Amino acid sequence: MVEPRARKYHRDRVAETLREEISGMIVGELADPRISFAYVSEVVLNPGGKSARVYIAVDGGEVEEEKTREALTAARGYIRHELLERMGVRHVPELSFQIDKSKHLKLRIDELLGRTKKTQKADSKNGLPKPMTTAKSKE
């Protein structure tokens, strides 16, 4: 079943508002020393609006990521209370914080593509033929 456009538009607006407000709280209001430099990369609101996944991008290693996620999970009640007052809504979704791994995946893909290009250049310099493509031809 296709979701009505107005409902999806509303959910996207709420998710964007949540992203902006939580980002502001992380930067300026939360004084937990476990929170390193982080920002909210995306908020995914479930179709019913009862819960939301908040993806956090953290500058630093895995230790900083885990400490930041734990600190934000501990501050979840405060964040929800502040969102309730700021947004003026009846219900604020239940928040779950996740580490955004898309930056790490992008770097890994770029690394693998770079390796592939280097091996292709080395093979062409050595006179080796290019690998065959796997495209099927019609007979």
C-alpha atoms as a PDB file:
ATOM      1  CA  MET A   1       0.000   0.000   0.000  1.00  0.00           C
ATOM      2  CA  VAL A   2       1.305   3.417  -0.944  1.00  0.00           C
ATOM      3  CA  GLU A   3       1.661   5.939   1.847  1.00  0.00           C
ATOM      4  CA  PRO A   4      -0.175   9.248   1.314  1.00  0.00           C
ATOM      5  CA  ARG A   5       2.150  12.041   0.262  1.00  0.00           C
ATOM      6  CA  ALA A   6       1.031  14.428   3.013  1.00  0.00           C
ATOM      7  CA  ARG A   7       1.829  11.921   5.764  1.00  0.00           C
ATOM      8  CA  LYS A   8       5.321  11.281   4.373  1.00  0.00           C
ATOM      9  CA  TYR A   9       5.934  15.013   3.991  1.00  0.00           C
ATOM     10  CA  HIS A  10       4.868  15.604   7.610  1.00  0.00           C
ATOM     11  CA  ARG A  11       7.089  12.784   8.885  1.00  0.00           C
ATOM     12  CA  ASP A  12      10.060  14.197   6.939  1.00  0.00           C
ATOM     13  CA  ARG A  13       9.473  17.660   8.409  1.00  0.00           C
ATOM     14  CA  VAL A  14       9.265  16.271  11.942  1.00  0.00           C
ATOM     15  CA  ALA A  15      12.470  14.258  11.390  1.00  0.00           C
ATOM     16  CA  GLU A  16      14.273  17.360  10.103  1.00  0.00           C
ATOM     17  CA  THR A  17      13.093  19.409  13.097  1.00  0.00           C
ATOM     18  CA  LEU A  18      14.275  16.674  15.456  1.00  0.00           C
ATOM     19  CA  ARG A  19      17.661  16.626  13.710  1.00  0.00           C
ATOM     20  CA  GLU A  20      18.102  20.398  14.059  1.00  0.00           C
ATOM     21  CA  GLU A  21      16.997  20.539  17.694  1.00  0.00           C
ATOM     22  CA  ILE A  22      19.087  17.565  18.843  1.00  0.00           C
ATOM     23  CA  SER A  23      22.117  18.965  16.977  1.00  0.00           C
ATOM     24  CA  GLY A  24      21.701  22.245  18.818  1.00  0.00           C
ATOM     25  CA  MET A  25      21.515  20.454  22.152  1.00  0.00           C
ATOM     26  CA  ILE A  26      24.653  18.411  21.461  1.00  0.00           C
ATOM     27  CA  VAL A  27      26.656  21.476  20.495  1.00  0.00           C
ATOM     28  CA  GLY A  28      25.482  23.905  23.152  1.00  0.00           C
ATOM     29  CA  GLU A  29      23.573  22.408  26.049  1.00  0.00           C
ATOM     30  CA  LEU A  30      24.800  18.938  26.934  1.00  0.00           C
ATOM     31  CA  ALA A  31      27.756  19.272  29.289  1.00  0.00           C
ATOM     32  CA  ASP A  32      28.677  15.597  29.530  1.00  0.00           C
ATOM     33  CA  PRO A  33      32.469  15.253  29.111  1.00  0.00           C
ATOM     34  CA  ARG A  34      31.974  11.906  27.328  1.00  0.00           C
ATOM     35  CA  ILE A  35      30.433  13.686  24.344  1.00  0.00           C
ATOM     36  CA  SER A  36      33.169  14.476  21.846  1.00  0.00           C
ATOM     37  CA  PHE A  37      32.706  16.574  18.710  1.00  0.00           C
ATOM     38  CA  ALA A  38      29.603  15.069  17.138  1.00  0.00           C
ATOM     39  CA  TYR A  39      26.674  16.031  14.967  1.00  0.00           C
ATOM     40  CA  VAL A  40      23.376  14.461  13.973  1.00  0.00           C
ATOM     41  CA  SER A  41      23.645  13.237  10.402  1.00  0.00           C
ATOM     42  CA  GLU A  42      20.123  11.851  10.047  1.00  0.00           C
ATOM     43  CA  VAL A  43      16.939  11.109  11.963  1.00  0.00           C
ATOM     44  CA  VAL A  44      14.759   8.258  10.734  1.00  0.00           C
ATOM     45  CA  LEU A  45      11.243   8.435  12.104  1.00  0.00           C
ATOM     46  CA  ASN A  46       9.237   5.202  12.074  1.00  0.00           C
ATOM     47  CA  PRO A  47       5.953   5.340  10.124  1.00  0.00           C
ATOM     48  CA  GLY A  48       3.824   5.479  13.274  1.00  0.00           C
ATOM     49  CA  GLY A  49       5.931   8.282  14.744  1.00  0.00           C
ATOM     50  CA  LYS A  50       6.372   6.461  18.056  1.00  0.00           C
ATOM     51  CA  SER A  51      10.140   5.988  17.751  1.00  0.00           C
ATOM     52  CA  ALA A  52      13.074   7.481  15.907  1.00  0.00           C
ATOM     53  CA  ARG A  53      16.641   6.406  15.184  1.00  0.00           C
ATOM     54  CA  VAL A  54      19.109   9.255  15.542  1.00  0.00           C
ATOM     55  CA  TYR A  55      22.342   8.707  13.587  1.00  0.00           C
ATOM     56  CA  ILE A  56      25.331  10.453  15.135  1.00  0.00           C
ATOM     57  CA  ALA A  57      28.582  11.141  13.293  1.00  0.00           C
ATOM     58  CA  VAL A  58      31.518  11.459  15.683  1.00  0.00           C
ATOM     59  CA  ASP A  59      34.962  12.802  14.846  1.00  0.00           C
ATOM     60  CA  GLY A  60      37.354  10.391  16.464  1.00  0.00           C
ATOM     61  CA  GLY A  61      37.921   6.701  16.903  1.00  0.00           C
ATOM     62  CA  GLU A  62      35.645   3.904  18.008  1.00  0.00           C
ATOM     63  CA  VAL A  63      36.247   4.653  21.685  1.00  0.00           C
ATOM     64  CA  GLU A  64      34.988   8.235  21.290  1.00  0.00           C
ATOM     65  CA  GLU A  65      32.020   7.002  19.239  1.00  0.00           C
ATOM     66  CA  GLU A  66      30.965   4.526  21.911  1.00  0.00           C
ATOM     67  CA  LYS A  67      31.421   7.021  24.766  1.00  0.00           C
ATOM     68  CA  THR A  68      29.380   9.632  22.890  1.00  0.00           C
ATOM     69  CA  ARG A  69      26.601   7.144  22.138  1.00  0.00           C
ATOM     70  CA  GLU A  70      26.478   6.061  25.792  1.00  0.00           C
ATOM     71  CA  ALA A  71      26.351   9.678  26.985  1.00  0.00           C
ATOM     72  CA  LEU A  72      23.534  10.541  24.578  1.00  0.00           C
ATOM     73  CA  THR A  73      21.615   7.434  25.597  1.00  0.00           C
ATOM     74  CA  ALA A  74      21.992   8.481  29.235  1.00  0.00           C
ATOM     75  CA  ALA A  75      20.710  11.984  28.382  1.00  0.00           C
ATOM     76  CA  ARG A  76      17.754  10.647  26.361  1.00  0.00           C
ATOM     77  CA  GLY A  77      15.184  11.697  29.000  1.00  0.00           C
ATOM     78  CA  TYR A  78      16.486  15.258  29.127  1.00  0.00           C
ATOM     79  CA  ILE A  79      16.588  15.471  25.329  1.00  0.00           C
ATOM     80  CA  ARG A  80      12.993  14.216  25.007  1.00  0.00           C
ATOM     81  CA  HIS A  81      11.791  16.667  27.683  1.00  0.00           C
ATOM     82  CA  GLU A  82      13.480  19.592  25.925  1.00  0.00           C
ATOM     83  CA  LEU A  83      12.063  18.509  22.558  1.00  0.00           C
ATOM     84  CA  LEU A  84       8.573  18.379  24.070  1.00  0.00           C
ATOM     85  CA  GLU A  85       8.888  21.982  25.286  1.00  0.00           C
ATOM     86  CA  ARG A  86      10.546  23.339  22.141  1.00  0.00           C
ATOM     87  CA  MET A  87       8.393  21.662  19.539  1.00  0.00           C
ATOM     88  CA  GLY A  88       5.084  22.120  21.346  1.00  0.00           C
ATOM     89  CA  VAL A  89       3.758  18.694  20.409  1.00  0.00           C
ATOM     90  CA  ARG A  90       1.811  16.136  22.451  1.00  0.00           C
ATOM     91  CA  HIS A  91       4.170  13.264  21.827  1.00  0.00           C
ATOM     92  CA  VAL A  92       7.916  13.101  21.263  1.00  0.00           C
ATOM     93  CA  PRO A  93       9.132   9.830  19.757  1.00  0.00           C
ATOM     94  CA  GLU A  94      11.261   7.392  21.711  1.00  0.00           C
ATOM     95  CA  LEU A  95      14.864   8.058  20.675  1.00  0.00           C
ATOM     96  CA  SER A  96      17.572   5.504  19.992  1.00  0.00           C
ATOM     97  CA  PHE A  97      21.062   6.709  19.156  1.00  0.00           C
ATOM     98  CA  GLN A  98      23.158   4.929  16.533  1.00  0.00           C
ATOM     99  CA  ILE A  99      26.638   5.685  15.236  1.00  0.00           C
ATOM    100  CA  ASP A 100      26.604   6.730  11.578  1.00  0.00           C
ATOM    101  CA  LYS A 101      29.065   4.458   9.780  1.00  0.00           C
ATOM    102  CA  SER A 102      28.502   5.902   6.298  1.00  0.00           C
ATOM    103  CA  LYS A 103      31.701   8.002   6.472  1.00  0.00           C
ATOM    104  CA  HIS A 104      33.762   4.908   7.282  1.00  0.00           C
ATOM    105  CA  LEU A 105      32.108   2.925   4.504  1.00  0.00           C
ATOM    106  CA  LYS A 106      32.730   5.719   1.989  1.00  0.00           C
ATOM    107  CA  LEU A 107      36.418   5.849   2.907  1.00  0.00           C
ATOM    108  CA  ARG A 108      36.703   2.056   2.558  1.00  0.00           C
ATOM    109  CA  ILE A 109      35.007   2.080  -0.860  1.00  0.00           C
ATOM    110  CA  ASP A 110      37.299   4.884  -2.042  1.00  0.00           C
ATOM    111  CA  GLU A 111      40.309   2.881  -0.845  1.00  0.00           C
ATOM    112  CA  LEU A 112      39.180  -0.243  -2.715  1.00  0.00           C
ATOM    113  CA  LEU A 113      38.475   1.702  -5.907  1.00  0.00           C
ATOM    114  CA  GLY A 114      41.920   3.297  -5.665  1.00  0.00           C
ATOM    115  CA  ARG A 115      43.534  -0.118  -5.366  1.00  0.00           C
ATOM    116  CA  THR A 116      41.612  -1.365  -8.395  1.00  0.00           C
ATOM    117  CA  LYS A 117      42.738   1.599 -10.496  1.00  0.00           C
ATOM    118  CA  LYS A 118      46.361   1.091  -9.443  1.00  0.00           C
ATOM    119  CA  THR A 119      46.321  -2.592 -10.379  1.00  0.00           C
ATOM    120  CA  GLN A 120      44.705  -1.823 -13.739  1.00  0.00           C
ATOM    121  CA  LYS A 121      47.386   0.786 -14.492  1.00  0.00           C
ATOM    122  CA  ALA A 122      50.143  -1.621 -13.457  1.00  0.00           C
ATOM    123  CA  ASP A 123      48.665  -4.388 -15.634  1.00  0.00           C
ATOM    124  CA  SER A 124      48.436  -2.101 -18.676  1.00  0.00           C
ATOM    125  CA  LYS A 125      52.075  -0.997 -18.218  1.00  0.00           C
ATOM    126  CA  ASN A 126      53.220  -4.618 -18.027  1.00  0.00           C
ATOM    127  CA  GLY A 127      51.339  -5.505 -21.188  1.00  0.00           C
ATOM    128  CA  LEU A 128      48.789  -7.740 -19.507  1.00  0.00           C
ATOM    129  CA  PRO A 129      45.298  -7.776 -21.027  1.00  0.00           C
ATOM    130  CA  LYS A 130      42.432  -6.174 -19.175  1.00  0.00           C
ATOM    131  CA  PRO A 131      40.133  -8.533 -17.272  1.00  0.00           C
ATOM    132  CA  MET A 132      37.115  -9.734 -19.207  1.00  0.00           C
ATOM    133  CA  THR A 133      33.761  -8.230 -18.355  1.00  0.00           C
ATOM    134  CA  THR A 134      30.958 -10.504 -17.330  1.00  0.00           C
ATOM    135  CA  ALA A 135      28.323  -9.071 -19.661  1.00  0.00           C
ATOM    136  CA  LYS A 136      26.206 -11.761 -21.260  1.00  0.00           C
ATOM    137  CA  SER A 137      25.724 -11.617 -24.983  1.00  0.00           C
ATOM    138  CA  LYS A 138      22.631 -12.812 -26.835  1.00  0.00           C
ATOM    139  CA  GLU A 139      23.163 -15.801 -29.070  1.00  0.00           C
END
